[in-house]
Amino acid sequence: MPEARPRCCRTRHQRQGTGLIVNPVEKGHIAYCCDDIDAFKAYLEAKGVPYSDWGERAVNGWRQIFFYDTDGNVIEVHQVEEEGSPSP
């Protein structure tokens, strides 16, 4: 049976960098919205993929992480917090 992965949807946009290991502004990036960013971070950690956790620095109410794919492209995965739900 294939390994379960968090469900995501595809979007595109650019954000400004802050000196973290991944600079999404350098060449732009592709972004995915997910329902459970903590599960996705655990998935990346289990696979040994380094990422930058931006939290809500760039967009209030969005928890964002950035990492590089195997071709060096910047990938963003974010979760939009529901109104009134606390961020971890």
Foldseek 3Di string as FASTA:
>chain_A
DDDDDFDKDWDFDAWQDDPPPDGCNPPGAIEIETADVVRNVVVCVVVVFDKAFPQCVTPPQKTKIWGADPVGGIYIYIYRHDPPDDDD
